[in-house]
Amino acid sequence: MELTPDLMTLDITMPIMDGIQTLEKILAHDAKAKIIMVSALGKEETVKNALEKGARSFIVKPFDRNTVLERLRKTMGRAAP
């Protein structure tokens, strides 16, 4: 069985494989994957790189509830309630 989630979030910093490498592998398998990158402050250049490689959006930590909801809705193509 193959899993195809509606949306994925990836942190830039992860063990074993970083978020950019993971993003590339996922998009090579499914070019339509909806992926939001997550990053701590100070990683703006890395987030820009992720967007250029196909991430749909990004969220900077620490999280702001309204920003997270807005990015999720935008990525999923849904209007705010």
N, C-alpha and C. Protein backbone atom coordinates (compact mmCIF):
# COMPACT_ATOMS: atom_id res chain seq x y z
N MET A 1 0.84 -1.18 0.00
CA MET A 1 0.00 0.00 0.00
C MET A 1 0.89 1.24 0.00
N GLU A 2 0.58 2.18 -0.83
CA GLU A 2 1.35 3.42 -0.92
C GLU A 2 0.58 4.55 -0.26
N LEU A 3 1.26 5.31 0.60
CA LEU A 3 0.63 6.44 1.26
C LEU A 3 0.82 7.70 0.43
N THR A 4 -0.24 8.46 0.29
CA THR A 4 -0.16 9.75 -0.41
C THR A 4 -0.91 10.77 0.43
N PRO A 5 -0.23 11.36 1.41
CA PRO A 5 -0.88 12.34 2.27
C PRO A 5 -1.30 13.58 1.49
N ASP A 6 -2.32 14.26 1.98
CA ASP A 6 -2.80 15.49 1.36
C ASP A 6 -1.80 16.63 1.54
N LEU A 7 -1.06 16.59 2.64
CA LEU A 7 -0.13 17.66 2.99
C LEU A 7 0.96 17.10 3.88
N MET A 8 2.18 17.61 3.70
CA MET A 8 3.29 17.20 4.56
C MET A 8 4.00 18.45 5.08
N THR A 9 4.54 18.35 6.27
CA THR A 9 5.43 19.39 6.78
C THR A 9 6.79 18.74 7.01
N LEU A 10 7.83 19.48 6.67
CA LEU A 10 9.20 19.00 6.88
C LEU A 10 9.99 20.09 7.57
N ASP A 11 10.73 19.72 8.59
CA ASP A 11 11.63 20.66 9.22
C ASP A 11 12.93 20.68 8.41
N ILE A 12 13.55 21.81 8.33
CA ILE A 12 14.83 21.91 7.64
C ILE A 12 15.86 21.01 8.32
N THR A 13 15.85 21.02 9.65
CA THR A 13 16.82 20.24 10.42
C THR A 13 16.16 18.96 10.92
N MET A 14 16.62 17.82 10.38
CA MET A 14 16.09 16.53 10.79
C MET A 14 17.27 15.55 10.88
N PRO A 15 17.12 14.50 11.68
CA PRO A 15 18.19 13.51 11.74
C PRO A 15 18.23 12.67 10.47
N ILE A 16 19.35 12.11 10.18
CA ILE A 16 19.61 11.20 9.06
C ILE A 16 19.62 11.94 7.72
N MET A 17 18.50 12.54 7.34
CA MET A 17 18.40 13.26 6.07
C MET A 17 17.77 14.62 6.37
N ASP A 18 18.37 15.71 5.88
CA ASP A 18 17.80 17.02 6.18
C ASP A 18 16.53 17.27 5.35
N GLY A 19 15.83 18.32 5.67
CA GLY A 19 14.56 18.63 5.03
C GLY A 19 14.67 18.85 3.53
N ILE A 20 15.75 19.45 3.07
CA ILE A 20 15.93 19.70 1.63
C ILE A 20 16.09 18.37 0.88
N GLN A 21 16.92 17.49 1.42
CA GLN A 21 17.10 16.17 0.79
C GLN A 21 15.78 15.39 0.76
N THR A 22 15.05 15.46 1.85
CA THR A 22 13.77 14.76 1.93
C THR A 22 12.78 15.35 0.94
N LEU A 23 12.73 16.67 0.86
CA LEU A 23 11.87 17.37 -0.10
C LEU A 23 12.15 16.88 -1.52
N GLU A 24 13.42 16.83 -1.89
CA GLU A 24 13.81 16.40 -3.23
C GLU A 24 13.37 14.96 -3.50
N LYS A 25 13.55 14.08 -2.53
CA LYS A 25 13.16 12.67 -2.71
C LYS A 25 11.65 12.53 -2.86
N ILE A 26 10.91 13.24 -2.04
CA ILE A 26 9.45 13.17 -2.12
C ILE A 26 8.96 13.69 -3.46
N LEU A 27 9.48 14.85 -3.88
CA LEU A 27 9.03 15.44 -5.15
C LEU A 27 9.47 14.62 -6.35
N ALA A 28 10.56 13.89 -6.24
CA ALA A 28 10.97 13.00 -7.33
C ALA A 28 9.97 11.84 -7.47
N HIS A 29 9.39 11.45 -6.36
CA HIS A 29 8.39 10.37 -6.35
C HIS A 29 6.99 10.89 -6.70
N ASP A 30 6.68 12.11 -6.23
CA ASP A 30 5.35 12.70 -6.44
C ASP A 30 5.51 14.20 -6.62
N ALA A 31 5.59 14.63 -7.88
CA ALA A 31 5.82 16.05 -8.18
C ALA A 31 4.69 16.96 -7.72
N LYS A 32 3.52 16.39 -7.43
CA LYS A 32 2.38 17.19 -6.99
C LYS A 32 2.24 17.26 -5.47
N ALA A 33 3.19 16.68 -4.75
CA ALA A 33 3.13 16.67 -3.29
C ALA A 33 3.08 18.10 -2.74
N LYS A 34 2.23 18.27 -1.75
CA LYS A 34 2.09 19.58 -1.10
C LYS A 34 2.91 19.53 0.19
N ILE A 35 4.03 20.26 0.17
CA ILE A 35 4.96 20.23 1.29
C ILE A 35 5.19 21.64 1.80
N ILE A 36 5.06 21.79 3.11
CA ILE A 36 5.37 23.05 3.79
C ILE A 36 6.63 22.83 4.60
N MET A 37 7.62 23.68 4.38
CA MET A 37 8.87 23.59 5.14
C MET A 37 8.74 24.38 6.44
N VAL A 38 9.40 23.89 7.46
CA VAL A 38 9.41 24.54 8.77
C VAL A 38 10.85 24.83 9.11
N SER A 39 11.09 26.02 9.66
CA SER A 39 12.46 26.41 9.98
C SER A 39 12.49 27.35 11.17
N ALA A 40 13.60 27.30 11.89
CA ALA A 40 13.82 28.25 12.97
C ALA A 40 14.30 29.57 12.37
N LEU A 41 14.18 30.62 13.13
CA LEU A 41 14.68 31.91 12.69
C LEU A 41 16.15 31.82 12.33
N GLY A 42 16.57 32.55 11.34
CA GLY A 42 17.96 32.54 10.94
C GLY A 42 18.27 31.58 9.81
N LYS A 43 17.28 30.89 9.31
CA LYS A 43 17.47 29.91 8.24
C LYS A 43 16.78 30.37 6.95
N GLU A 44 16.61 31.68 6.78
CA GLU A 44 15.85 32.22 5.66
C GLU A 44 16.40 31.77 4.30
N GLU A 45 17.70 31.72 4.13
CA GLU A 45 18.30 31.32 2.86
C GLU A 45 17.98 29.86 2.55
N THR A 46 17.96 29.03 3.58
CA THR A 46 17.64 27.63 3.39
C THR A 46 16.17 27.47 3.01
N VAL A 47 15.29 28.25 3.63
CA VAL A 47 13.87 28.20 3.29
C VAL A 47 13.67 28.66 1.85
N LYS A 48 14.36 29.71 1.44
CA LYS A 48 14.27 30.19 0.06
C LYS A 48 14.70 29.08 -0.91
N ASN A 49 15.75 28.37 -0.57
CA ASN A 49 16.22 27.25 -1.37
C ASN A 49 15.14 26.17 -1.47
N ALA A 50 14.49 25.87 -0.36
CA ALA A 50 13.43 24.86 -0.35
C ALA A 50 12.26 25.28 -1.25
N LEU A 51 11.90 26.55 -1.21
CA LEU A 51 10.82 27.04 -2.07
C LEU A 51 11.20 26.94 -3.54
N GLU A 52 12.44 27.24 -3.85
CA GLU A 52 12.92 27.13 -5.23
C GLU A 52 12.91 25.68 -5.70
N LYS A 53 13.08 24.74 -4.76
CA LYS A 53 13.12 23.32 -5.11
C LYS A 53 11.74 22.67 -5.13
N GLY A 54 10.70 23.44 -4.75
CA GLY A 54 9.36 22.91 -4.88
C GLY A 54 8.47 22.90 -3.66
N ALA A 55 8.99 23.33 -2.50
CA ALA A 55 8.11 23.43 -1.33
C ALA A 55 7.02 24.45 -1.64
N ARG A 56 5.82 24.22 -1.15
CA ARG A 56 4.69 25.11 -1.45
C ARG A 56 4.67 26.35 -0.57
N SER A 57 5.21 26.22 0.64
CA SER A 57 5.19 27.35 1.58
C SER A 57 6.20 27.08 2.68
N PHE A 58 6.26 27.99 3.62
CA PHE A 58 7.14 27.80 4.78
C PHE A 58 6.51 28.41 6.01
N ILE A 59 6.92 27.89 7.15
CA ILE A 59 6.49 28.42 8.45
C ILE A 59 7.73 28.56 9.30
N VAL A 60 7.91 29.73 9.88
CA VAL A 60 9.08 30.00 10.71
C VAL A 60 8.71 29.77 12.17
N LYS A 61 9.60 29.06 12.87
CA LYS A 61 9.44 28.86 14.31
C LYS A 61 10.04 30.06 15.04
N PRO A 62 9.51 30.42 16.18
CA PRO A 62 8.39 29.81 16.88
C PRO A 62 7.08 30.06 16.12
N PHE A 63 6.16 29.12 16.25
CA PHE A 63 4.92 29.16 15.50
C PHE A 63 3.96 30.24 15.99
N ASP A 64 3.28 30.83 15.04
CA ASP A 64 2.17 31.74 15.31
C ASP A 64 0.92 31.04 14.76
N ARG A 65 -0.06 30.81 15.61
CA ARG A 65 -1.25 30.04 15.23
C ARG A 65 -1.88 30.55 13.94
N ASN A 66 -2.07 31.85 13.82
CA ASN A 66 -2.73 32.41 12.64
C ASN A 66 -1.90 32.19 11.37
N THR A 67 -0.59 32.32 11.49
CA THR A 67 0.27 32.08 10.33
C THR A 67 0.20 30.63 9.90
N VAL A 68 0.25 29.71 10.85
CA VAL A 68 0.18 28.29 10.53
C VAL A 68 -1.13 27.98 9.81
N LEU A 69 -2.25 28.45 10.33
CA LEU A 69 -3.54 28.19 9.71
C LEU A 69 -3.62 28.80 8.32
N GLU A 70 -3.11 30.01 8.15
CA GLU A 70 -3.14 30.68 6.85
C GLU A 70 -2.32 29.91 5.82
N ARG A 71 -1.13 29.46 6.20
CA ARG A 71 -0.28 28.71 5.28
C ARG A 71 -0.89 27.35 4.93
N LEU A 72 -1.50 26.70 5.91
CA LEU A 72 -2.16 25.42 5.65
C LEU A 72 -3.32 25.61 4.67
N ARG A 73 -4.15 26.60 4.93
CA ARG A 73 -5.30 26.86 4.04
C ARG A 73 -4.84 27.22 2.63
N LYS A 74 -3.85 28.09 2.54
CA LYS A 74 -3.37 28.51 1.23
C LYS A 74 -2.81 27.31 0.45
N THR A 75 -2.02 26.50 1.12
CA THR A 75 -1.41 25.34 0.45
C THR A 75 -2.47 24.34 0.01
N MET A 76 -3.51 24.19 0.80
CA MET A 76 -4.56 23.25 0.47
C MET A 76 -5.62 23.85 -0.47
N GLY A 77 -5.47 25.15 -0.78
CA GLY A 77 -6.42 25.79 -1.69
C GLY A 77 -7.77 26.05 -1.07
N ARG A 78 -7.77 26.34 0.20
CA ARG A 78 -9.04 26.60 0.91
C ARG A 78 -9.05 28.02 1.45
N ALA A 79 -10.19 28.65 1.36
CA ALA A 79 -10.34 30.02 1.87
C ALA A 79 -10.50 29.98 3.38
N ALA A 80 -10.15 31.09 4.00
CA ALA A 80 -10.32 31.22 5.44
C ALA A 80 -11.82 31.27 5.76
N PRO A 81 -12.22 30.70 6.90
CA PRO A 81 -13.65 30.71 7.27
C PRO A 81 -14.12 32.09 7.64
